[in-house]
Amino acid sequence: MAQDSNQVTAEMRSEIERTRAELGHTIDAIHDRLSPRRFMNEAKDTISDATLGRAKRLAHRVTEAVQSGNGSTHVSAVLDKARSNPGMTALIGTAITALAIGLMTRSRRQH
């Protein structure tokens, strides 16, 4: 019986060591997923896509509209206003960026 007890003890220790190793791998994976550097990189990419990507698409559409002559007086008026009020243009851009970040944050919380 002592031998059976020793065998059971050895099996339990072996199982505990396997469980520890698995937990170590799980903890490492969680650590990698929750690292501040990863969050910062993802946030930077998301903001860049949301702001710069949209700005580039808007600039492209405006350029096409000006070149094609469709609504060129309206586009020219908006561009003139933006050029004459750079502070206000920057403020509006900042507000739009803040709204975009708020919407992205809210949509991530809901998922």
N, C-alpha and C. Protein backbone atom coordinates (compact mmCIF):
# COMPACT_ATOMS: atom_id res chain seq x y z
N MET A 1 0.80 -1.19 0.00
CA MET A 1 0.00 0.00 0.00
C MET A 1 0.85 1.27 0.00
N ALA A 2 1.97 1.21 0.64
CA ALA A 2 2.84 2.38 0.69
C ALA A 2 3.32 2.74 -0.71
N GLN A 3 3.54 1.67 -1.52
CA GLN A 3 3.98 1.93 -2.88
C GLN A 3 2.87 2.60 -3.68
N ASP A 4 1.60 2.18 -3.49
CA ASP A 4 0.47 2.81 -4.17
C ASP A 4 0.36 4.27 -3.75
N SER A 5 0.56 4.54 -2.48
CA SER A 5 0.49 5.89 -1.97
C SER A 5 1.59 6.76 -2.58
N ASN A 6 2.80 6.21 -2.70
CA ASN A 6 3.91 6.94 -3.30
C ASN A 6 3.66 7.21 -4.79
N GLN A 7 3.06 6.25 -5.47
CA GLN A 7 2.75 6.42 -6.89
C GLN A 7 1.69 7.51 -7.08
N VAL A 8 0.66 7.50 -6.23
CA VAL A 8 -0.39 8.52 -6.30
C VAL A 8 0.21 9.89 -6.03
N THR A 9 1.09 9.97 -5.05
CA THR A 9 1.73 11.24 -4.71
C THR A 9 2.59 11.73 -5.88
N ALA A 10 3.32 10.85 -6.51
CA ALA A 10 4.16 11.22 -7.64
C ALA A 10 3.30 11.71 -8.81
N GLU A 11 2.18 11.03 -9.05
CA GLU A 11 1.28 11.45 -10.13
C GLU A 11 0.68 12.83 -9.84
N MET A 12 0.32 13.05 -8.60
CA MET A 12 -0.23 14.35 -8.22
C MET A 12 0.80 15.45 -8.40
N ARG A 13 2.03 15.18 -8.00
CA ARG A 13 3.09 16.18 -8.16
C ARG A 13 3.35 16.46 -9.64
N SER A 14 3.32 15.43 -10.43
CA SER A 14 3.51 15.60 -11.86
C SER A 14 2.39 16.45 -12.46
N GLU A 15 1.16 16.18 -12.04
CA GLU A 15 0.00 16.95 -12.51
C GLU A 15 0.10 18.41 -12.06
N ILE A 16 0.55 18.63 -10.85
CA ILE A 16 0.72 19.99 -10.34
C ILE A 16 1.76 20.74 -11.17
N GLU A 17 2.87 20.08 -11.52
CA GLU A 17 3.91 20.71 -12.32
C GLU A 17 3.39 21.06 -13.72
N ARG A 18 2.60 20.16 -14.32
CA ARG A 18 2.02 20.46 -15.64
C ARG A 18 1.07 21.65 -15.54
N THR A 19 0.26 21.69 -14.49
CA THR A 19 -0.68 22.80 -14.30
C THR A 19 0.08 24.11 -14.10
N ARG A 20 1.15 24.09 -13.34
CA ARG A 20 1.97 25.29 -13.14
C ARG A 20 2.54 25.80 -14.46
N ALA A 21 3.03 24.89 -15.26
CA ALA A 21 3.59 25.28 -16.56
C ALA A 21 2.52 25.90 -17.44
N GLU A 22 1.33 25.29 -17.47
CA GLU A 22 0.23 25.83 -18.27
C GLU A 22 -0.18 27.21 -17.76
N LEU A 23 -0.26 27.36 -16.45
CA LEU A 23 -0.60 28.66 -15.88
C LEU A 23 0.45 29.72 -16.22
N GLY A 24 1.71 29.31 -16.20
CA GLY A 24 2.78 30.23 -16.57
C GLY A 24 2.62 30.75 -17.99
N HIS A 25 2.29 29.84 -18.91
CA HIS A 25 2.07 30.25 -20.30
C HIS A 25 0.85 31.16 -20.42
N THR A 26 -0.21 30.83 -19.68
CA THR A 26 -1.42 31.65 -19.71
C THR A 26 -1.15 33.05 -19.17
N ILE A 27 -0.43 33.13 -18.08
CA ILE A 27 -0.11 34.43 -17.48
C ILE A 27 0.76 35.24 -18.43
N ASP A 28 1.72 34.61 -19.10
CA ASP A 28 2.55 35.32 -20.07
C ASP A 28 1.70 35.86 -21.23
N ALA A 29 0.75 35.06 -21.70
CA ALA A 29 -0.12 35.51 -22.81
C ALA A 29 -0.98 36.69 -22.36
N ILE A 30 -1.52 36.62 -21.15
CA ILE A 30 -2.34 37.72 -20.63
C ILE A 30 -1.48 38.97 -20.47
N HIS A 31 -0.29 38.81 -19.97
CA HIS A 31 0.62 39.95 -19.80
C HIS A 31 0.90 40.62 -21.13
N ASP A 32 1.15 39.82 -22.17
CA ASP A 32 1.41 40.40 -23.50
C ASP A 32 0.19 41.14 -24.03
N ARG A 33 -1.00 40.58 -23.84
CA ARG A 33 -2.22 41.21 -24.34
C ARG A 33 -2.55 42.50 -23.60
N LEU A 34 -2.19 42.60 -22.34
CA LEU A 34 -2.54 43.76 -21.54
C LEU A 34 -1.39 44.75 -21.35
N SER A 35 -0.35 44.59 -22.13
CA SER A 35 0.80 45.48 -21.94
C SER A 35 0.44 46.91 -22.37
N PRO A 36 0.88 47.90 -21.61
CA PRO A 36 0.61 49.30 -21.96
C PRO A 36 1.15 49.67 -23.34
N ARG A 37 2.30 49.12 -23.70
CA ARG A 37 2.88 49.42 -25.01
C ARG A 37 1.94 48.97 -26.13
N ARG A 38 1.35 47.78 -25.96
CA ARG A 38 0.42 47.28 -26.98
C ARG A 38 -0.81 48.20 -27.09
N PHE A 39 -1.36 48.60 -25.94
CA PHE A 39 -2.51 49.51 -25.94
C PHE A 39 -2.17 50.83 -26.62
N MET A 40 -0.99 51.35 -26.32
CA MET A 40 -0.58 52.63 -26.91
C MET A 40 -0.44 52.50 -28.43
N ASN A 41 0.17 51.42 -28.88
CA ASN A 41 0.34 51.22 -30.32
C ASN A 41 -1.01 51.06 -31.02
N GLU A 42 -1.93 50.30 -30.40
CA GLU A 42 -3.25 50.13 -31.00
C GLU A 42 -4.02 51.45 -31.02
N ALA A 43 -3.93 52.21 -29.93
CA ALA A 43 -4.62 53.50 -29.88
C ALA A 43 -4.05 54.46 -30.93
N LYS A 44 -2.73 54.47 -31.05
CA LYS A 44 -2.08 55.34 -32.02
C LYS A 44 -2.52 54.97 -33.45
N ASP A 45 -2.54 53.68 -33.74
CA ASP A 45 -2.97 53.24 -35.07
C ASP A 45 -4.43 53.58 -35.33
N THR A 46 -5.28 53.39 -34.33
CA THR A 46 -6.70 53.68 -34.49
C THR A 46 -6.93 55.17 -34.72
N ILE A 47 -6.26 55.99 -33.93
CA ILE A 47 -6.42 57.44 -34.07
C ILE A 47 -5.87 57.89 -35.42
N SER A 48 -4.74 57.34 -35.80
CA SER A 48 -4.16 57.71 -37.09
C SER A 48 -5.10 57.35 -38.23
N ASP A 49 -5.66 56.14 -38.18
CA ASP A 49 -6.60 55.73 -39.22
C ASP A 49 -7.84 56.61 -39.21
N ALA A 50 -8.33 56.92 -38.02
CA ALA A 50 -9.56 57.70 -37.91
C ALA A 50 -9.36 59.15 -38.35
N THR A 51 -8.24 59.73 -38.03
CA THR A 51 -8.05 61.15 -38.34
C THR A 51 -7.34 61.36 -39.67
N LEU A 52 -6.16 60.80 -39.80
CA LEU A 52 -5.39 61.02 -41.02
C LEU A 52 -6.04 60.36 -42.22
N GLY A 53 -6.57 59.17 -42.02
CA GLY A 53 -7.24 58.49 -43.13
C GLY A 53 -8.44 59.27 -43.62
N ARG A 54 -9.24 59.74 -42.71
CA ARG A 54 -10.41 60.54 -43.10
C ARG A 54 -10.00 61.86 -43.72
N ALA A 55 -8.99 62.48 -43.16
CA ALA A 55 -8.53 63.76 -43.71
C ALA A 55 -8.01 63.57 -45.13
N LYS A 56 -7.28 62.50 -45.37
CA LYS A 56 -6.76 62.23 -46.71
C LYS A 56 -7.91 61.98 -47.69
N ARG A 57 -8.90 61.19 -47.26
CA ARG A 57 -10.05 60.93 -48.14
C ARG A 57 -10.82 62.22 -48.42
N LEU A 58 -11.00 63.05 -47.40
CA LEU A 58 -11.69 64.32 -47.58
C LEU A 58 -10.91 65.23 -48.53
N ALA A 59 -9.62 65.30 -48.34
CA ALA A 59 -8.79 66.14 -49.21
C ALA A 59 -8.87 65.64 -50.65
N HIS A 60 -8.90 64.34 -50.82
CA HIS A 60 -9.00 63.79 -52.17
C HIS A 60 -10.34 64.15 -52.80
N ARG A 61 -11.42 64.03 -52.03
CA ARG A 61 -12.75 64.37 -52.55
C ARG A 61 -12.83 65.87 -52.88
N VAL A 62 -12.27 66.70 -52.01
CA VAL A 62 -12.29 68.15 -52.26
C VAL A 62 -11.50 68.47 -53.52
N THR A 63 -10.33 67.85 -53.65
CA THR A 63 -9.50 68.07 -54.83
C THR A 63 -10.25 67.67 -56.10
N GLU A 64 -10.89 66.51 -56.05
CA GLU A 64 -11.67 66.08 -57.21
C GLU A 64 -12.80 67.05 -57.52
N ALA A 65 -13.47 67.53 -56.49
CA ALA A 65 -14.59 68.46 -56.70
C ALA A 65 -14.10 69.76 -57.32
N VAL A 66 -12.95 70.24 -56.84
CA VAL A 66 -12.41 71.49 -57.37
C VAL A 66 -11.97 71.29 -58.82
N GLN A 67 -11.32 70.18 -59.09
CA GLN A 67 -10.83 69.93 -60.44
C GLN A 67 -11.96 69.69 -61.43
N SER A 68 -13.05 69.06 -60.97
CA SER A 68 -14.15 68.76 -61.89
C SER A 68 -15.08 69.95 -62.05
N GLY A 69 -14.98 70.93 -61.16
CA GLY A 69 -15.83 72.11 -61.26
C GLY A 69 -17.16 71.94 -60.56
N ASN A 70 -17.43 70.76 -59.98
CA ASN A 70 -18.68 70.53 -59.26
C ASN A 70 -18.64 71.22 -57.91
N GLY A 71 -19.47 72.21 -57.72
CA GLY A 71 -19.53 72.89 -56.43
C GLY A 71 -18.26 73.65 -56.11
N SER A 72 -17.52 74.03 -57.11
CA SER A 72 -16.22 74.65 -56.84
C SER A 72 -16.35 75.96 -56.08
N THR A 73 -17.45 76.70 -56.27
CA THR A 73 -17.58 77.96 -55.51
C THR A 73 -17.75 77.67 -54.04
N HIS A 74 -18.51 76.62 -53.71
CA HIS A 74 -18.70 76.26 -52.30
C HIS A 74 -17.39 75.76 -51.69
N VAL A 75 -16.72 74.90 -52.42
CA VAL A 75 -15.45 74.35 -51.92
C VAL A 75 -14.43 75.46 -51.75
N SER A 76 -14.35 76.35 -52.74
CA SER A 76 -13.39 77.46 -52.65
C SER A 76 -13.70 78.35 -51.46
N ALA A 77 -14.97 78.58 -51.19
CA ALA A 77 -15.36 79.42 -50.05
C ALA A 77 -14.95 78.76 -48.74
N VAL A 78 -15.17 77.44 -48.63
CA VAL A 78 -14.79 76.73 -47.41
C VAL A 78 -13.28 76.76 -47.23
N LEU A 79 -12.54 76.50 -48.30
CA LEU A 79 -11.07 76.53 -48.21
C LEU A 79 -10.56 77.92 -47.87
N ASP A 80 -11.16 78.95 -48.42
CA ASP A 80 -10.75 80.32 -48.09
C ASP A 80 -10.99 80.63 -46.62
N LYS A 81 -12.15 80.21 -46.12
CA LYS A 81 -12.45 80.42 -44.69
C LYS A 81 -11.43 79.69 -43.82
N ALA A 82 -11.12 78.44 -44.18
CA ALA A 82 -10.16 77.66 -43.40
C ALA A 82 -8.79 78.31 -43.40
N ARG A 83 -8.37 78.82 -44.55
CA ARG A 83 -7.06 79.47 -44.64
C ARG A 83 -7.02 80.78 -43.86
N SER A 84 -8.13 81.49 -43.85
CA SER A 84 -8.13 82.79 -43.16
C SER A 84 -8.31 82.65 -41.65
N ASN A 85 -8.77 81.48 -41.18
CA ASN A 85 -8.97 81.23 -39.74
C ASN A 85 -8.28 79.94 -39.31
N PRO A 86 -6.94 79.88 -39.33
CA PRO A 86 -6.26 78.62 -38.99
C PRO A 86 -6.51 78.18 -37.55
N GLY A 87 -6.67 79.11 -36.64
CA GLY A 87 -6.93 78.74 -35.25
C GLY A 87 -8.27 78.04 -35.11
N MET A 88 -9.28 78.59 -35.75
CA MET A 88 -10.61 77.98 -35.70
C MET A 88 -10.60 76.63 -36.41
N THR A 89 -9.88 76.54 -37.51
CA THR A 89 -9.79 75.27 -38.23
C THR A 89 -9.14 74.21 -37.35
N ALA A 90 -8.08 74.58 -36.64
CA ALA A 90 -7.41 73.64 -35.73
C ALA A 90 -8.34 73.24 -34.59
N LEU A 91 -9.11 74.19 -34.07
CA LEU A 91 -10.04 73.90 -32.99
C LEU A 91 -11.12 72.93 -33.45
N ILE A 92 -11.64 73.15 -34.63
CA ILE A 92 -12.66 72.24 -35.17
C ILE A 92 -12.06 70.85 -35.39
N GLY A 93 -10.83 70.79 -35.91
CA GLY A 93 -10.17 69.51 -36.09
C GLY A 93 -9.96 68.77 -34.78
N THR A 94 -9.59 69.52 -33.74
CA THR A 94 -9.41 68.91 -32.42
C THR A 94 -10.73 68.40 -31.87
N ALA A 95 -11.79 69.15 -32.05
CA ALA A 95 -13.11 68.72 -31.58
C ALA A 95 -13.57 67.47 -32.31
N ILE A 96 -13.35 67.42 -33.60
CA ILE A 96 -13.74 66.23 -34.37
C ILE A 96 -12.93 65.02 -33.92
N THR A 97 -11.65 65.22 -33.67
CA THR A 97 -10.81 64.13 -33.18
C THR A 97 -11.29 63.63 -31.83
N ALA A 98 -11.62 64.55 -30.92
CA ALA A 98 -12.11 64.15 -29.59
C ALA A 98 -13.42 63.38 -29.72
N LEU A 99 -14.30 63.81 -30.59
CA LEU A 99 -15.55 63.08 -30.80
C LEU A 99 -15.28 61.68 -31.34
N ALA A 100 -14.35 61.57 -32.28
CA ALA A 100 -14.03 60.27 -32.86
C ALA A 100 -13.47 59.33 -31.79
N ILE A 101 -12.58 59.85 -30.95
CA ILE A 101 -12.01 59.02 -29.87
C ILE A 101 -13.11 58.60 -28.91
N GLY A 102 -14.00 59.52 -28.56
CA GLY A 102 -15.10 59.17 -27.67
C GLY A 102 -16.00 58.10 -28.25
N LEU A 103 -16.28 58.19 -29.52
CA LEU A 103 -17.12 57.18 -30.17
C LEU A 103 -16.42 55.83 -30.23
N MET A 104 -15.12 55.84 -30.52
CA MET A 104 -14.37 54.57 -30.56
C MET A 104 -14.32 53.93 -29.17
N THR A 105 -14.10 54.73 -28.16
CA THR A 105 -14.04 54.21 -26.79
C THR A 105 -15.38 53.62 -26.39
N ARG A 106 -16.45 54.33 -26.70
CA ARG A 106 -17.78 53.86 -26.36
C ARG A 106 -18.11 52.57 -27.10
N SER A 107 -17.75 52.46 -28.37
CA SER A 107 -18.08 51.26 -29.14
C SER A 107 -17.27 50.07 -28.64
N ARG A 108 -16.03 50.29 -28.18
CA ARG A 108 -15.23 49.18 -27.64
C ARG A 108 -15.80 48.70 -26.30
N ARG A 109 -16.32 49.61 -25.50
CA ARG A 109 -16.90 49.23 -24.20
C ARG A 109 -18.14 48.37 -24.41
N GLN A 110 -18.89 48.64 -25.47
CA GLN A 110 -20.13 47.91 -25.71
C GLN A 110 -19.88 46.50 -26.21
N HIS A 111 -18.71 46.24 -26.80
CA HIS A 111 -18.40 44.91 -27.33
C HIS A 111 -17.81 44.13 -26.24
